[in-house]
Amino acid sequence: MTAGELAILLACIVLVIGFAALVVVLSRVLDTLRALRLELTDLRHETRPLLAELRASTDEARDAVEEARHDLDRFDRVLGSAEAISGAVASTGRVARLALSTPVIKATALATGTKRAARRLRRRQARALRNGGGGQLVVMDGGAPSSKRRSRA
């Protein structure tokens, strides 16, 4: 055998060994890929119910947020109405106080003045009765009551 034939023989042996190693590596990769496919299938079977539950929870949360937003809008309208009513009541109270305070003050003053005048008249009549009995109450032109005695005839 010549050196060229020996080199070719050694190259063929190295190529066969390399090809066998490559076949072993590729078969291991193929086994790993099959195992990975099985794990992926199991993972899909396990995660599909979880994803469905997550979608349902998300839908429930979305509905709850929408309901809360609706309630918040309604509460905002109610609060606005309450503020408007409060303002109207406050202004009505202010208007009523302004409208009624002057007549009430005048009526109170009139009642107090009438009470004092009646008390003075009673005192004068009582004094007139004590002093001689014949006193008669006469009102002068100025409007102030005065006591004049009339002589008995």
Protein backbone atom coordinates (compact mmCIF):
# COMPACT_ATOMS: atom_id res chain seq x y z
CA MET A 1 0.00 0.00 0.00
CA THR A 2 1.25 3.31 -0.85
CA ALA A 3 1.22 6.39 1.20
CA GLY A 4 -1.58 7.90 -0.87
CA GLU A 5 -3.75 4.84 -0.40
CA LEU A 6 -3.01 4.83 3.33
CA ALA A 7 -3.99 8.49 3.55
CA ILE A 8 -7.22 7.80 1.70
CA LEU A 9 -7.93 4.81 3.96
CA LEU A 10 -7.29 6.88 7.09
CA ALA A 11 -9.44 9.70 5.73
CA CYS A 12 -12.29 7.25 5.04
CA ILE A 13 -12.01 5.79 8.56
CA VAL A 14 -12.02 9.30 10.07
CA LEU A 15 -15.00 10.22 7.90
CA VAL A 16 -16.90 7.07 8.94
CA ILE A 17 -16.15 7.75 12.62
CA GLY A 18 -17.18 11.39 12.15
CA PHE A 19 -20.35 10.32 10.33
CA ALA A 20 -21.18 7.84 13.12
CA ALA A 21 -20.63 10.56 15.75
CA LEU A 22 -22.83 12.89 13.75
CA VAL A 23 -25.57 10.24 13.55
CA VAL A 24 -25.36 9.70 17.33
CA VAL A 25 -25.52 13.45 18.01
CA LEU A 26 -28.42 13.91 15.60
CA SER A 27 -30.33 11.01 17.16
CA ARG A 28 -29.82 12.59 20.60
CA VAL A 29 -31.06 15.92 19.25
CA LEU A 30 -34.07 14.15 17.73
CA ASP A 31 -34.85 12.45 21.07
CA THR A 32 -34.50 15.78 22.84
CA LEU A 33 -36.82 17.44 20.33
CA ARG A 34 -39.42 14.67 20.81
CA ALA A 35 -39.22 15.11 24.60
CA LEU A 36 -39.49 18.87 24.15
CA ARG A 37 -42.59 18.42 21.96
CA LEU A 38 -44.19 16.22 24.63
CA GLU A 39 -43.38 18.76 27.34
CA LEU A 40 -44.74 21.54 25.16
CA THR A 41 -47.96 19.60 24.57
CA ASP A 42 -48.32 19.00 28.32
CA LEU A 43 -47.63 22.65 28.97
CA ARG A 44 -50.34 23.66 26.48
CA HIS A 45 -52.83 21.29 28.11
CA GLU A 46 -52.04 22.77 31.53
CA THR A 47 -52.01 26.40 30.47
CA ARG A 48 -55.17 26.44 28.35
CA PRO A 49 -57.49 26.22 31.39
CA LEU A 50 -55.34 28.79 33.18
CA LEU A 51 -55.55 31.14 30.21
CA ALA A 52 -59.30 30.63 29.99
CA GLU A 53 -59.60 31.39 33.71
CA LEU A 54 -57.39 34.45 33.27
CA ARG A 55 -59.58 35.67 30.42
CA ALA A 56 -62.70 35.15 32.53
CA SER A 57 -61.11 37.01 35.44
CA THR A 58 -60.09 39.81 33.11
CA ASP A 59 -63.65 40.03 31.77
CA GLU A 60 -65.04 40.12 35.31
CA ALA A 61 -62.53 42.80 36.28
CA ARG A 62 -63.45 44.82 33.18
CA ASP A 63 -67.15 44.51 34.05
CA ALA A 64 -66.44 45.55 37.66
CA VAL A 65 -64.44 48.56 36.46
CA GLU A 66 -67.23 49.56 34.08
CA GLU A 67 -69.80 49.22 36.85
CA ALA A 68 -67.62 51.23 39.22
CA ARG A 69 -67.17 53.90 36.53
CA HIS A 70 -70.95 53.99 36.02
CA ASP A 71 -71.54 54.25 39.78
CA LEU A 72 -68.91 56.98 40.03
CA ASP A 73 -70.59 58.94 37.25
CA ARG A 74 -73.95 58.53 38.98
CA PHE A 75 -72.43 59.58 42.32
CA ASP A 76 -70.88 62.59 40.61
CA ARG A 77 -74.30 63.61 39.27
CA VAL A 78 -75.88 63.11 42.72
CA LEU A 79 -73.11 65.14 44.33
CA GLY A 80 -73.61 67.91 41.77
CA SER A 81 -77.34 67.92 42.47
CA ALA A 82 -76.70 68.03 46.22
CA GLU A 83 -74.34 70.97 45.76
CA ALA A 84 -76.92 72.76 43.63
CA ILE A 85 -79.65 72.10 46.21
CA SER A 86 -77.35 73.24 49.01
CA GLY A 87 -76.59 76.44 47.13
CA ALA A 88 -80.28 77.02 46.43
CA VAL A 89 -81.20 76.42 50.08
CA ALA A 90 -78.42 78.75 51.23
CA SER A 91 -79.51 81.49 48.86
CA THR A 92 -83.18 80.92 49.78
CA GLY A 93 -82.31 81.21 53.46
CA ARG A 94 -80.35 84.39 52.80
CA VAL A 95 -83.22 85.85 50.73
CA ALA A 96 -85.77 84.83 53.38
CA ARG A 97 -83.64 86.36 56.13
CA LEU A 98 -83.27 89.58 54.16
CA ALA A 99 -86.95 89.68 53.22
CA LEU A 100 -88.32 88.83 56.65
CA SER A 101 -85.79 90.41 58.99
CA THR A 102 -86.98 93.99 58.50
CA PRO A 103 -90.73 93.27 58.91
CA VAL A 104 -90.07 91.00 61.88
CA ILE A 105 -87.88 93.65 63.52
CA LYS A 106 -90.55 96.28 62.89
CA ALA A 107 -93.31 94.00 64.21
CA THR A 108 -91.24 93.25 67.32
CA ALA A 109 -90.56 96.95 67.83
CA LEU A 110 -94.26 97.74 67.38
CA ALA A 111 -95.26 95.04 69.86
CA THR A 112 -92.69 96.25 72.37
CA GLY A 113 -93.78 99.88 71.93
CA THR A 114 -97.44 98.93 72.29
CA LYS A 115 -96.67 96.93 75.41
CA ARG A 116 -94.78 99.86 76.96
CA ALA A 117 -97.53 102.30 76.01
CA ALA A 118 -100.20 100.04 77.53
CA ARG A 119 -98.14 99.69 80.71
CA ARG A 120 -97.77 103.49 80.98
CA LEU A 121 -101.47 103.99 80.40
CA ARG A 122 -102.29 101.47 83.13
CA ARG A 123 -99.89 103.20 85.51
CA ARG A 124 -101.42 106.60 84.80
CA GLN A 125 -104.93 105.23 85.28
CA ALA A 126 -103.88 103.61 88.52
CA ARG A 127 -102.31 106.90 89.71
CA ALA A 128 -105.39 108.84 88.66
CA LEU A 129 -107.65 106.47 90.59
CA ARG A 130 -105.46 106.75 93.67
CA ASN A 131 -105.33 110.55 93.48
CA GLY A 132 -108.97 111.30 93.24
CA GLY A 133 -110.71 108.84 91.19
CA GLY A 134 -112.16 111.03 88.51
CA GLY A 135 -109.33 111.21 86.10
CA GLN A 136 -110.04 110.63 82.51
CA LEU A 137 -107.52 109.85 79.84
CA VAL A 138 -107.50 112.27 76.94
CA VAL A 139 -105.36 112.01 73.82
CA MET A 140 -103.84 115.27 72.61
CA ASP A 141 -103.25 116.23 68.99
CA GLY A 142 -99.62 115.14 69.11
CA GLY A 143 -100.69 111.56 69.73
CA ALA A 144 -99.15 111.29 73.21
CA PRO A 145 -101.65 110.30 75.87
CA SER A 146 -102.13 112.72 78.69
CA SER A 147 -104.17 112.68 81.80
CA LYS A 148 -106.59 115.57 82.42
CA ARG A 149 -108.90 115.75 85.30
CA ARG A 150 -112.37 116.79 84.67
CA SER A 151 -114.20 118.66 87.21
CA ARG A 152 -117.36 117.16 88.43
CA ALA A 153 -120.35 119.19 87.75
